[in-house]
Amino acid sequence: MMPLLIKDRDLLKPTHIRDAAELPMGHAIRSLFANACVEEYILALRSSGKKVFKFQTELKEIHSFSSDLLESVGRSIIRVRNDGYYGTEFWDPLAKELFKA
């Protein structure tokens, strides 16, 4: 499943997030889905409200998803690199590469 999500994160749907929330804390699928959302979530935050995070409803309603995403974002921020004029690069924990935001 991970290679599919790396190629096309649009495959991840709200029902997947909701189903994964039923799994125990620390389950690999929960981590995988949270990692898949890091880039989009950070880009939505950086857009100053111009872009809405695809899973905003799930973020508000499903505390386990919020917790998993916050943990993944935290790991991403630790690897932040600011290159001055060109903006900030964050670590994408799913693709294991930097992305600009």
PDB file of N, CA and C in Angstrom:
ATOM      1  N   MET A   1       0.824  -1.196   0.000  1.00  0.00           N
ATOM      2  CA  MET A   1       0.000   0.000   0.000  1.00  0.00           C
ATOM      3  C   MET A   1       0.869   1.261   0.000  1.00  0.00           C
ATOM      4  N   MET A   2       2.004   1.234   0.693  1.00  0.00           N
ATOM      5  CA  MET A   2       2.839   2.421   0.771  1.00  0.00           C
ATOM      6  C   MET A   2       3.300   2.896  -0.608  1.00  0.00           C
ATOM      7  N   PRO A   3       3.772   2.016  -1.498  1.00  0.00           N
ATOM      8  CA  PRO A   3       4.184   2.505  -2.815  1.00  0.00           C
ATOM      9  C   PRO A   3       3.048   3.194  -3.569  1.00  0.00           C
ATOM     10  N   LEU A   4       1.828   2.694  -3.399  1.00  0.00           N
ATOM     11  CA  LEU A   4       0.679   3.332  -4.050  1.00  0.00           C
ATOM     12  C   LEU A   4       0.442   4.737  -3.501  1.00  0.00           C
ATOM     13  N   LEU A   5       0.539   4.893  -2.189  1.00  0.00           N
ATOM     14  CA  LEU A   5       0.328   6.210  -1.578  1.00  0.00           C
ATOM     15  C   LEU A   5       1.433   7.190  -1.955  1.00  0.00           C
ATOM     16  N   ILE A   6       2.643   6.707  -2.088  1.00  0.00           N
ATOM     17  CA  ILE A   6       3.740   7.593  -2.491  1.00  0.00           C
ATOM     18  C   ILE A   6       3.476   8.121  -3.900  1.00  0.00           C
ATOM     19  N   LYS A   7       2.996   7.272  -4.782  1.00  0.00           N
ATOM     20  CA  LYS A   7       2.707   7.688  -6.157  1.00  0.00           C
ATOM     21  C   LYS A   7       1.486   8.597  -6.251  1.00  0.00           C
ATOM     22  N   ASP A   8       0.443   8.271  -5.480  1.00  0.00           N
ATOM     23  CA  ASP A   8      -0.812   9.024  -5.589  1.00  0.00           C
ATOM     24  C   ASP A   8      -1.510   9.090  -4.239  1.00  0.00           C
ATOM     25  N   ARG A   9      -1.273  10.160  -3.537  1.00  0.00           N
ATOM     26  CA  ARG A   9      -1.863  10.307  -2.202  1.00  0.00           C
ATOM     27  C   ARG A   9      -3.357  10.580  -2.241  1.00  0.00           C
ATOM     28  N   ASP A  10      -3.869  10.894  -3.426  1.00  0.00           N
ATOM     29  CA  ASP A  10      -5.313  11.085  -3.564  1.00  0.00           C
ATOM     30  C   ASP A  10      -6.078   9.779  -3.381  1.00  0.00           C
ATOM     31  N   LEU A  11      -5.362   8.669  -3.379  1.00  0.00           N
ATOM     32  CA  LEU A  11      -5.998   7.373  -3.127  1.00  0.00           C
ATOM     33  C   LEU A  11      -6.506   7.281  -1.686  1.00  0.00           C
ATOM     34  N   LEU A  12      -5.901   8.049  -0.795  1.00  0.00           N
ATOM     35  CA  LEU A  12      -6.306   8.037   0.615  1.00  0.00           C
ATOM     36  C   LEU A  12      -7.607   8.820   0.770  1.00  0.00           C
ATOM     37  N   LYS A  13      -8.608   8.177   1.315  1.00  0.00           N
ATOM     38  CA  LYS A  13      -9.950   8.753   1.464  1.00  0.00           C
ATOM     39  C   LYS A  13     -10.322   8.867   2.941  1.00  0.00           C
ATOM     40  N   PRO A  14     -11.313   9.715   3.242  1.00  0.00           N
ATOM     41  CA  PRO A  14     -11.754   9.843   4.636  1.00  0.00           C
ATOM     42  C   PRO A  14     -12.149   8.515   5.278  1.00  0.00           C
ATOM     43  N   THR A  15     -12.732   7.615   4.510  1.00  0.00           N
ATOM     44  CA  THR A  15     -13.110   6.316   5.096  1.00  0.00           C
ATOM     45  C   THR A  15     -11.882   5.537   5.550  1.00  0.00           C
ATOM     46  N   HIS A  16     -10.769   5.680   4.839  1.00  0.00           N
ATOM     47  CA  HIS A  16      -9.535   5.013   5.265  1.00  0.00           C
ATOM     48  C   HIS A  16      -9.070   5.560   6.609  1.00  0.00           C
ATOM     49  N   ILE A  17      -9.121   6.877   6.749  1.00  0.00           N
ATOM     50  CA  ILE A  17      -8.707   7.520   8.003  1.00  0.00           C
ATOM     51  C   ILE A  17      -9.604   7.048   9.145  1.00  0.00           C
ATOM     52  N   ARG A  18     -10.899   7.020   8.898  1.00  0.00           N
ATOM     53  CA  ARG A  18     -11.856   6.606   9.933  1.00  0.00           C
ATOM     54  C   ARG A  18     -11.662   5.134  10.312  1.00  0.00           C
ATOM     55  N   ASP A  19     -11.452   4.280   9.340  1.00  0.00           N
ATOM     56  CA  ASP A  19     -11.221   2.854   9.633  1.00  0.00           C
ATOM     57  C   ASP A  19      -9.920   2.656  10.400  1.00  0.00           C
ATOM     58  N   ALA A  20      -8.879   3.369  10.000  1.00  0.00           N
ATOM     59  CA  ALA A  20      -7.581   3.242  10.675  1.00  0.00           C
ATOM     60  C   ALA A  20      -7.655   3.721  12.124  1.00  0.00           C
ATOM     61  N   ALA A  21      -8.527   4.679  12.385  1.00  0.00           N
ATOM     62  CA  ALA A  21      -8.672   5.208  13.746  1.00  0.00           C
ATOM     63  C   ALA A  21      -9.145   4.138  14.720  1.00  0.00           C
ATOM     64  N   GLU A  22      -9.766   3.101  14.203  1.00  0.00           N
ATOM     65  CA  GLU A  22     -10.246   2.002  15.048  1.00  0.00           C
ATOM     66  C   GLU A  22      -9.123   1.040  15.447  1.00  0.00           C
ATOM     67  N   LEU A  23      -7.996   1.152  14.768  1.00  0.00           N
ATOM     68  CA  LEU A  23      -6.853   0.282  15.071  1.00  0.00           C
ATOM     69  C   LEU A  23      -6.140   0.770  16.334  1.00  0.00           C
ATOM     70  N   PRO A  24      -5.385  -0.091  16.989  1.00  0.00           N
ATOM     71  CA  PRO A  24      -4.692   0.316  18.213  1.00  0.00           C
ATOM     72  C   PRO A  24      -3.601   1.372  17.953  1.00  0.00           C
ATOM     73  N   MET A  25      -3.332   2.163  18.965  1.00  0.00           N
ATOM     74  CA  MET A  25      -2.284   3.171  18.872  1.00  0.00           C
ATOM     75  C   MET A  25      -0.964   2.496  18.524  1.00  0.00           C
ATOM     76  N   GLY A  26      -0.211   3.123  17.620  1.00  0.00           N
ATOM     77  CA  GLY A  26       1.064   2.579  17.205  1.00  0.00           C
ATOM     78  C   GLY A  26       0.977   1.612  16.034  1.00  0.00           C
ATOM     79  N   HIS A  27      -0.240   1.333  15.580  1.00  0.00           N
ATOM     80  CA  HIS A  27      -0.407   0.425  14.446  1.00  0.00           C
ATOM     81  C   HIS A  27       0.219   1.045  13.194  1.00  0.00           C
ATOM     82  N   ALA A  28       0.864   0.221  12.390  1.00  0.00           N
ATOM     83  CA  ALA A  28       1.592   0.696  11.202  1.00  0.00           C
ATOM     84  C   ALA A  28       0.689   1.419  10.204  1.00  0.00           C
ATOM     85  N   ILE A  29      -0.546   0.987  10.056  1.00  0.00           N
ATOM     86  CA  ILE A  29      -1.461   1.633   9.106  1.00  0.00           C
ATOM     87  C   ILE A  29      -1.802   3.044   9.571  1.00  0.00           C
ATOM     88  N   ARG A  30      -2.021   3.215  10.857  1.00  0.00           N
ATOM     89  CA  ARG A  30      -2.296   4.574  11.370  1.00  0.00           C
ATOM     90  C   ARG A  30      -1.118   5.491  11.092  1.00  0.00           C
ATOM     91  N   SER A  31       0.081   5.002  11.340  1.00  0.00           N
ATOM     92  CA  SER A  31       1.281   5.806  11.081  1.00  0.00           C
ATOM     93  C   SER A  31       1.436   6.099   9.595  1.00  0.00           C
ATOM     94  N   LEU A  32       1.198   5.101   8.767  1.00  0.00           N
ATOM     95  CA  LEU A  32       1.308   5.266   7.324  1.00  0.00           C
ATOM     96  C   LEU A  32       0.371   6.365   6.826  1.00  0.00           C
ATOM     97  N   PHE A  33      -0.878   6.327   7.265  1.00  0.00           N
ATOM     98  CA  PHE A  33      -1.847   7.318   6.805  1.00  0.00           C
ATOM     99  C   PHE A  33      -1.508   8.714   7.321  1.00  0.00           C
ATOM    100  N   ALA A  34      -1.065   8.803   8.555  1.00  0.00           N
ATOM    101  CA  ALA A  34      -0.670  10.111   9.094  1.00  0.00           C
ATOM    102  C   ALA A  34       0.534  10.647   8.321  1.00  0.00           C
ATOM    103  N   ASN A  35       1.516   9.793   8.063  1.00  0.00           N
ATOM    104  CA  ASN A  35       2.694  10.213   7.291  1.00  0.00           C
ATOM    105  C   ASN A  35       2.304  10.682   5.890  1.00  0.00           C
ATOM    106  N   ALA A  36       1.306  10.038   5.308  1.00  0.00           N
ATOM    107  CA  ALA A  36       0.853  10.400   3.963  1.00  0.00           C
ATOM    108  C   ALA A  36       0.199  11.780   3.932  1.00  0.00           C
ATOM    109  N   CYS A  37      -0.221  12.279   5.079  1.00  0.00           N
ATOM    110  CA  CYS A  37      -0.926  13.560   5.144  1.00  0.00           C
ATOM    111  C   CYS A  37      -0.038  14.743   5.517  1.00  0.00           C
ATOM    112  N   VAL A  38       1.182  14.489   5.934  1.00  0.00           N
ATOM    113  CA  VAL A  38       2.053  15.549   6.447  1.00  0.00           C
ATOM    114  C   VAL A  38       2.252  16.675   5.438  1.00  0.00           C
ATOM    115  N   GLU A  39       2.641  16.335   4.232  1.00  0.00           N
ATOM    116  CA  GLU A  39       2.941  17.381   3.239  1.00  0.00           C
ATOM    117  C   GLU A  39       1.715  18.241   2.965  1.00  0.00           C
ATOM    118  N   GLU A  40       0.579  17.608   2.695  1.00  0.00           N
ATOM    119  CA  GLU A  40      -0.634  18.370   2.397  1.00  0.00           C
ATOM    120  C   GLU A  40      -1.051  19.237   3.587  1.00  0.00           C
ATOM    121  N   TYR A  41      -0.930  18.700   4.793  1.00  0.00           N
ATOM    122  CA  TYR A  41      -1.308  19.459   5.981  1.00  0.00           C
ATOM    123  C   TYR A  41      -0.416  20.687   6.150  1.00  0.00           C
ATOM    124  N   ILE A  42       0.880  20.527   6.031  1.00  0.00           N
ATOM    125  CA  ILE A  42       1.795  21.663   6.182  1.00  0.00           C
ATOM    126  C   ILE A  42       1.556  22.697   5.083  1.00  0.00           C
ATOM    127  N   LEU A  43       1.354  22.240   3.856  1.00  0.00           N
ATOM    128  CA  LEU A  43       1.086  23.179   2.763  1.00  0.00           C
ATOM    129  C   LEU A  43      -0.216  23.945   2.999  1.00  0.00           C
ATOM    130  N   ALA A  44      -1.219  23.275   3.549  1.00  0.00           N
ATOM    131  CA  ALA A  44      -2.482  23.954   3.864  1.00  0.00           C
ATOM    132  C   ALA A  44      -2.273  24.998   4.962  1.00  0.00           C
ATOM    133  N   LEU A  45      -1.484  24.646   5.979  1.00  0.00           N
ATOM    134  CA  LEU A  45      -1.193  25.608   7.044  1.00  0.00           C
ATOM    135  C   LEU A  45      -0.450  26.827   6.513  1.00  0.00           C
ATOM    136  N   ARG A  46       0.511  26.581   5.645  1.00  0.00           N
ATOM    137  CA  ARG A  46       1.351  27.657   5.102  1.00  0.00           C
ATOM    138  C   ARG A  46       0.599  28.543   4.116  1.00  0.00           C
ATOM    139  N   SER A  47      -0.565  28.095   3.640  1.00  0.00           N
ATOM    140  CA  SER A  47      -1.306  28.870   2.647  1.00  0.00           C
ATOM    141  C   SER A  47      -2.149  29.980   3.263  1.00  0.00           C
ATOM    142  N   SER A  48      -2.091  30.133   4.583  1.00  0.00           N
ATOM    143  CA  SER A  48      -2.859  31.174   5.293  1.00  0.00           C
ATOM    144  C   SER A  48      -4.351  31.098   4.989  1.00  0.00           C
ATOM    145  N   GLY A  49      -4.880  29.902   4.994  1.00  0.00           N
ATOM    146  CA  GLY A  49      -6.314  29.717   4.803  1.00  0.00           C
ATOM    147  C   GLY A  49      -6.772  29.656   3.359  1.00  0.00           C
ATOM    148  N   LYS A  50      -5.874  29.771   2.418  1.00  0.00           N
ATOM    149  CA  LYS A  50      -6.248  29.717   0.998  1.00  0.00           C
ATOM    150  C   LYS A  50      -6.517  28.290   0.545  1.00  0.00           C
ATOM    151  N   LYS A  51      -5.924  27.349   1.226  1.00  0.00           N
ATOM    152  CA  LYS A  51      -6.099  25.938   0.887  1.00  0.00           C
ATOM    153  C   LYS A  51      -6.622  25.209   2.121  1.00  0.00           C
ATOM    154  N   VAL A  52      -7.627  24.380   1.932  1.00  0.00           N
ATOM    155  CA  VAL A  52      -8.205  23.624   3.034  1.00  0.00           C
ATOM    156  C   VAL A  52      -7.611  22.221   3.023  1.00  0.00           C
ATOM    157  N   PHE A  53      -7.187  21.775   4.195  1.00  0.00           N
ATOM    158  CA  PHE A  53      -6.651  20.431   4.342  1.00  0.00           C
ATOM    159  C   PHE A  53      -7.738  19.416   4.014  1.00  0.00           C
ATOM    160  N   LYS A  54      -7.423  18.472   3.163  1.00  0.00           N
ATOM    161  CA  LYS A  54      -8.377  17.480   2.670  1.00  0.00           C
ATOM    162  C   LYS A  54      -9.098  16.732   3.795  1.00  0.00           C
ATOM    163  N   PHE A  55      -8.409  16.475   4.881  1.00  0.00           N
ATOM    164  CA  PHE A  55      -8.991  15.713   5.985  1.00  0.00           C
ATOM    165  C   PHE A  55      -9.275  16.598   7.198  1.00  0.00           C
ATOM    166  N   GLN A  56      -9.686  17.830   6.958  1.00  0.00           N
ATOM    167  CA  GLN A  56      -9.971  18.769   8.042  1.00  0.00           C
ATOM    168  C   GLN A  56     -11.066  18.248   8.971  1.00  0.00           C
ATOM    169  N   THR A  57     -12.099  17.666   8.392  1.00  0.00           N
ATOM    170  CA  THR A  57     -13.196  17.122   9.210  1.00  0.00           C
ATOM    171  C   THR A  57     -12.687  15.999  10.097  1.00  0.00           C
ATOM    172  N   GLU A  58     -11.914  15.094   9.532  1.00  0.00           N
ATOM    173  CA  GLU A  58     -11.367  13.972  10.306  1.00  0.00           C
ATOM    174  C   GLU A  58     -10.403  14.481  11.376  1.00  0.00           C
ATOM    175  N   LEU A  59      -9.662  15.518  11.052  1.00  0.00           N
ATOM    176  CA  LEU A  59      -8.725  16.099  12.011  1.00  0.00           C
ATOM    177  C   LEU A  59      -9.471  16.602  13.250  1.00  0.00           C
ATOM    178  N   LYS A  60     -10.637  17.201  13.039  1.00  0.00           N
ATOM    179  CA  LYS A  60     -11.439  17.723  14.154  1.00  0.00           C
ATOM    180  C   LYS A  60     -12.210  16.634  14.888  1.00  0.00           C
ATOM    181  N   GLU A  61     -12.662  15.638  14.173  1.00  0.00           N
ATOM    182  CA  GLU A  61     -13.558  14.643  14.773  1.00  0.00           C
ATOM    183  C   GLU A  61     -12.857  13.412  15.338  1.00  0.00           C
ATOM    184  N   ILE A  62     -11.673  13.085  14.823  1.00  0.00           N
ATOM    185  CA  ILE A  62     -11.016  11.832  15.212  1.00  0.00           C
ATOM    186  C   ILE A  62      -9.715  12.163  15.948  1.00  0.00           C
ATOM    187  N   HIS A  63      -9.778  12.081  17.238  1.00  0.00           N
ATOM    188  CA  HIS A  63      -8.637  12.476  18.063  1.00  0.00           C
ATOM    189  C   HIS A  63      -7.398  11.614  17.812  1.00  0.00           C
ATOM    190  N   SER A  64      -7.598  10.341  17.530  1.00  0.00           N
ATOM    191  CA  SER A  64      -6.431   9.493  17.277  1.00  0.00           C
ATOM    192  C   SER A  64      -5.725   9.912  15.984  1.00  0.00           C
ATOM    193  N   PHE A  65      -6.480  10.341  14.977  1.00  0.00           N
ATOM    194  CA  PHE A  65      -5.866  10.825  13.744  1.00  0.00           C
ATOM    195  C   PHE A  65      -5.122  12.127  14.007  1.00  0.00           C
ATOM    196  N   SER A  66      -5.729  13.018  14.772  1.00  0.00           N
ATOM    197  CA  SER A  66      -5.067  14.285  15.120  1.00  0.00           C
ATOM    198  C   SER A  66      -3.750  14.021  15.831  1.00  0.00           C
ATOM    199  N   SER A  67      -3.777  13.088  16.755  1.00  0.00           N
ATOM    200  CA  SER A  67      -2.582  12.738  17.510  1.00  0.00           C
ATOM    201  C   SER A  67      -1.507  12.143  16.609  1.00  0.00           C
ATOM    202  N   ASP A  68      -1.902  11.220  15.745  1.00  0.00           N
ATOM    203  CA  ASP A  68      -0.940  10.594  14.829  1.00  0.00           C
ATOM    204  C   ASP A  68      -0.345  11.621  13.871  1.00  0.00           C
ATOM    205  N   LEU A  69      -1.188  12.515  13.346  1.00  0.00           N
ATOM    206  CA  LEU A  69      -0.702  13.529  12.414  1.00  0.00           C
ATOM    207  C   LEU A  69       0.232  14.505  13.122  1.00  0.00           C
ATOM    208  N   LEU A  70      -0.116  14.902  14.324  1.00  0.00           N
ATOM    209  CA  LEU A  70       0.738  15.817  15.080  1.00  0.00           C
ATOM    210  C   LEU A  70       2.111  15.187  15.317  1.00  0.00           C
ATOM    211  N   GLU A  71       2.130  13.915  15.635  1.00  0.00           N
ATOM    212  CA  GLU A  71       3.399  13.207  15.838  1.00  0.00           C
ATOM    213  C   GLU A  71       4.224  13.192  14.541  1.00  0.00           C
ATOM    214  N   SER A  72       3.568  12.911  13.421  1.00  0.00           N
ATOM    215  CA  SER A  72       4.263  12.879  12.124  1.00  0.00           C
ATOM    216  C   SER A  72       4.761  14.258  11.725  1.00  0.00           C
ATOM    217  N   VAL A  73       3.949  15.283  11.957  1.00  0.00           N
ATOM    218  CA  VAL A  73       4.359  16.656  11.641  1.00  0.00           C
ATOM    219  C   VAL A  73       5.543  17.052  12.511  1.00  0.00           C
ATOM    220  N   GLY A  74       5.517  16.648  13.758  1.00  0.00           N
ATOM    221  CA  GLY A  74       6.633  16.937  14.662  1.00  0.00           C
ATOM    222  C   GLY A  74       7.938  16.357  14.148  1.00  0.00           C
ATOM    223  N   ARG A  75       7.883  15.134  13.655  1.00  0.00           N
ATOM    224  CA  ARG A  75       9.089  14.524  13.085  1.00  0.00           C
ATOM    225  C   ARG A  75       9.525  15.261  11.824  1.00  0.00           C
ATOM    226  N   SER A  76       8.579  15.766  11.081  1.00  0.00           N
ATOM    227  CA  SER A  76       8.889  16.513   9.858  1.00  0.00           C
ATOM    228  C   SER A  76       9.548  17.843  10.183  1.00  0.00           C
ATOM    229  N   ILE A  77       9.056  18.512  11.188  1.00  0.00           N
ATOM    230  CA  ILE A  77       9.573  19.829  11.555  1.00  0.00           C
ATOM    231  C   ILE A  77      10.992  19.732  12.105  1.00  0.00           C
ATOM    232  N   ILE A  78      11.302  18.658  12.770  1.00  0.00           N
ATOM    233  CA  ILE A  78      12.654  18.471  13.292  1.00  0.00           C
ATOM    234  C   ILE A  78      13.675  18.521  12.161  1.00  0.00           C
ATOM    235  N   ARG A  79      13.277  18.096  10.985  1.00  0.00           N
ATOM    236  CA  ARG A  79      14.184  18.048   9.844  1.00  0.00           C
ATOM    237  C   ARG A  79      14.063  19.285   8.949  1.00  0.00           C
ATOM    238  N   VAL A  80      13.443  20.363   9.448  1.00  0.00           N
ATOM    239  CA  VAL A  80      13.253  21.575   8.648  1.00  0.00           C
ATOM    240  C   VAL A  80      14.587  22.191   8.260  1.00  0.00           C
ATOM    241  N   ARG A  81      14.637  22.678   7.045  1.00  0.00           N
ATOM    242  CA  ARG A  81      15.818  23.377   6.561  1.00  0.00           C
ATOM    243  C   ARG A  81      15.351  24.648   5.864  1.00  0.00           C
ATOM    244  N   ASN A  82      15.785  25.779   6.364  1.00  0.00           N
ATOM    245  CA  ASN A  82      15.414  27.046   5.756  1.00  0.00           C
ATOM    246  C   ASN A  82      16.563  27.490   4.866  1.00  0.00           C
ATOM    247  N   ASP A  83      16.271  27.629   3.578  1.00  0.00           N
ATOM    248  CA  ASP A  83      17.325  28.031   2.659  1.00  0.00           C
ATOM    249  C   ASP A  83      17.205  29.503   2.274  1.00  0.00           C
ATOM    250  N   GLY A  84      16.643  30.289   3.182  1.00  0.00           N
ATOM    251  CA  GLY A  84      16.571  31.733   2.969  1.00  0.00           C
ATOM    252  C   GLY A  84      15.507  32.135   1.978  1.00  0.00           C
ATOM    253  N   TYR A  85      15.913  32.665   0.870  1.00  0.00           N
ATOM    254  CA  TYR A  85      15.020  33.234  -0.122  1.00  0.00           C
ATOM    255  C   TYR A  85      14.004  32.229  -0.670  1.00  0.00           C
ATOM    256  N   TYR A  86      14.403  30.991  -0.822  1.00  0.00           N
ATOM    257  CA  TYR A  86      13.543  30.006  -1.477  1.00  0.00           C
ATOM    258  C   TYR A  86      12.531  29.344  -0.554  1.00  0.00           C
ATOM    259  N   GLY A  87      12.511  29.698   0.698  1.00  0.00           N
ATOM    260  CA  GLY A  87      11.518  29.157   1.610  1.00  0.00           C
ATOM    261  C   GLY A  87      12.055  28.075   2.515  1.00  0.00           C
ATOM    262  N   THR A  88      11.139  27.303   3.068  1.00  0.00           N
ATOM    263  CA  THR A  88      11.476  26.285   4.050  1.00  0.00           C
ATOM    264  C   THR A  88      11.225  24.909   3.466  1.00  0.00           C
ATOM    265  N   GLU A  89      12.121  24.005   3.748  1.00  0.00           N
ATOM    266  CA  GLU A  89      11.946  22.620   3.340  1.00  0.00           C
ATOM    267  C   GLU A  89      11.598  21.785   4.566  1.00  0.00           C
ATOM    268  N   PHE A  90      10.615  20.900   4.399  1.00  0.00           N
ATOM    269  CA  PHE A  90      10.181  20.001   5.450  1.00  0.00           C
ATOM    270  C   PHE A  90      10.460  18.571   4.999  1.00  0.00           C
ATOM    271  N   TRP A  91      10.589  17.678   5.947  1.00  0.00           N
ATOM    272  CA  TRP A  91      10.827  16.275   5.662  1.00  0.00           C
ATOM    273  C   TRP A  91       9.500  15.563   5.474  1.00  0.00           C
ATOM    274  N   ASP A  92       9.319  14.889   4.368  1.00  0.00           N
ATOM    275  CA  ASP A  92       8.130  14.095   4.109  1.00  0.00           C
ATOM    276  C   ASP A  92       8.412  12.678   4.626  1.00  0.00           C
ATOM    277  N   PRO A  93       7.764  12.266   5.716  1.00  0.00           N
ATOM    278  CA  PRO A  93       8.073  10.962   6.302  1.00  0.00           C
ATOM    279  C   PRO A  93       7.601   9.781   5.454  1.00  0.00           C
ATOM    280  N   LEU A  94       6.700  10.011   4.518  1.00  0.00           N
ATOM    281  CA  LEU A  94       6.255   8.912   3.676  1.00  0.00           C
ATOM    282  C   LEU A  94       7.228   8.697   2.517  1.00  0.00           C
ATOM    283  N   ALA A  95       7.502   9.743   1.769  1.00  0.00           N
ATOM    284  CA  ALA A  95       8.391   9.629   0.605  1.00  0.00           C
ATOM    285  C   ALA A  95       9.862   9.670   1.003  1.00  0.00           C
ATOM    286  N   LYS A  96      10.118  10.065   2.245  1.00  0.00           N
ATOM    287  CA  LYS A  96      11.486  10.172   2.781  1.00  0.00           C
ATOM    288  C   LYS A  96      12.340  11.124   1.925  1.00  0.00           C
ATOM    289  N   GLU A  97      11.771  12.323   1.722  1.00  0.00           N
ATOM    290  CA  GLU A  97      12.471  13.356   0.986  1.00  0.00           C
ATOM    291  C   GLU A  97      11.976  14.730   1.452  1.00  0.00           C
ATOM    292  N   LEU A  98      12.717  15.763   1.115  1.00  0.00           N
ATOM    293  CA  LEU A  98      12.328  17.106   1.488  1.00  0.00           C
ATOM    294  C   LEU A  98      11.319  17.663   0.493  1.00  0.00           C
ATOM    295  N   PHE A  99      10.424  18.529   0.995  1.00  0.00           N
ATOM    296  CA  PHE A  99       9.523  19.254   0.123  1.00  0.00           C
ATOM    297  C   PHE A  99       9.487  20.704   0.585  1.00  0.00           C
ATOM    298  N   LYS A 100       9.265  21.615  -0.346  1.00  0.00           N
ATOM    299  CA  LYS A 100       9.236  23.039  -0.030  1.00  0.00           C
ATOM    300  C   LYS A 100       7.821  23.472   0.333  1.00  0.00           C
ATOM    301  N   ALA A 101       7.759  24.355   1.322  1.00  0.00           N
ATOM    302  CA  ALA A 101       6.470  24.929   1.720  1.00  0.00           C
ATOM    303  C   ALA A 101       6.621  26.406   1.936  1.00  0.00           C
TER     304      ALA A 101
END
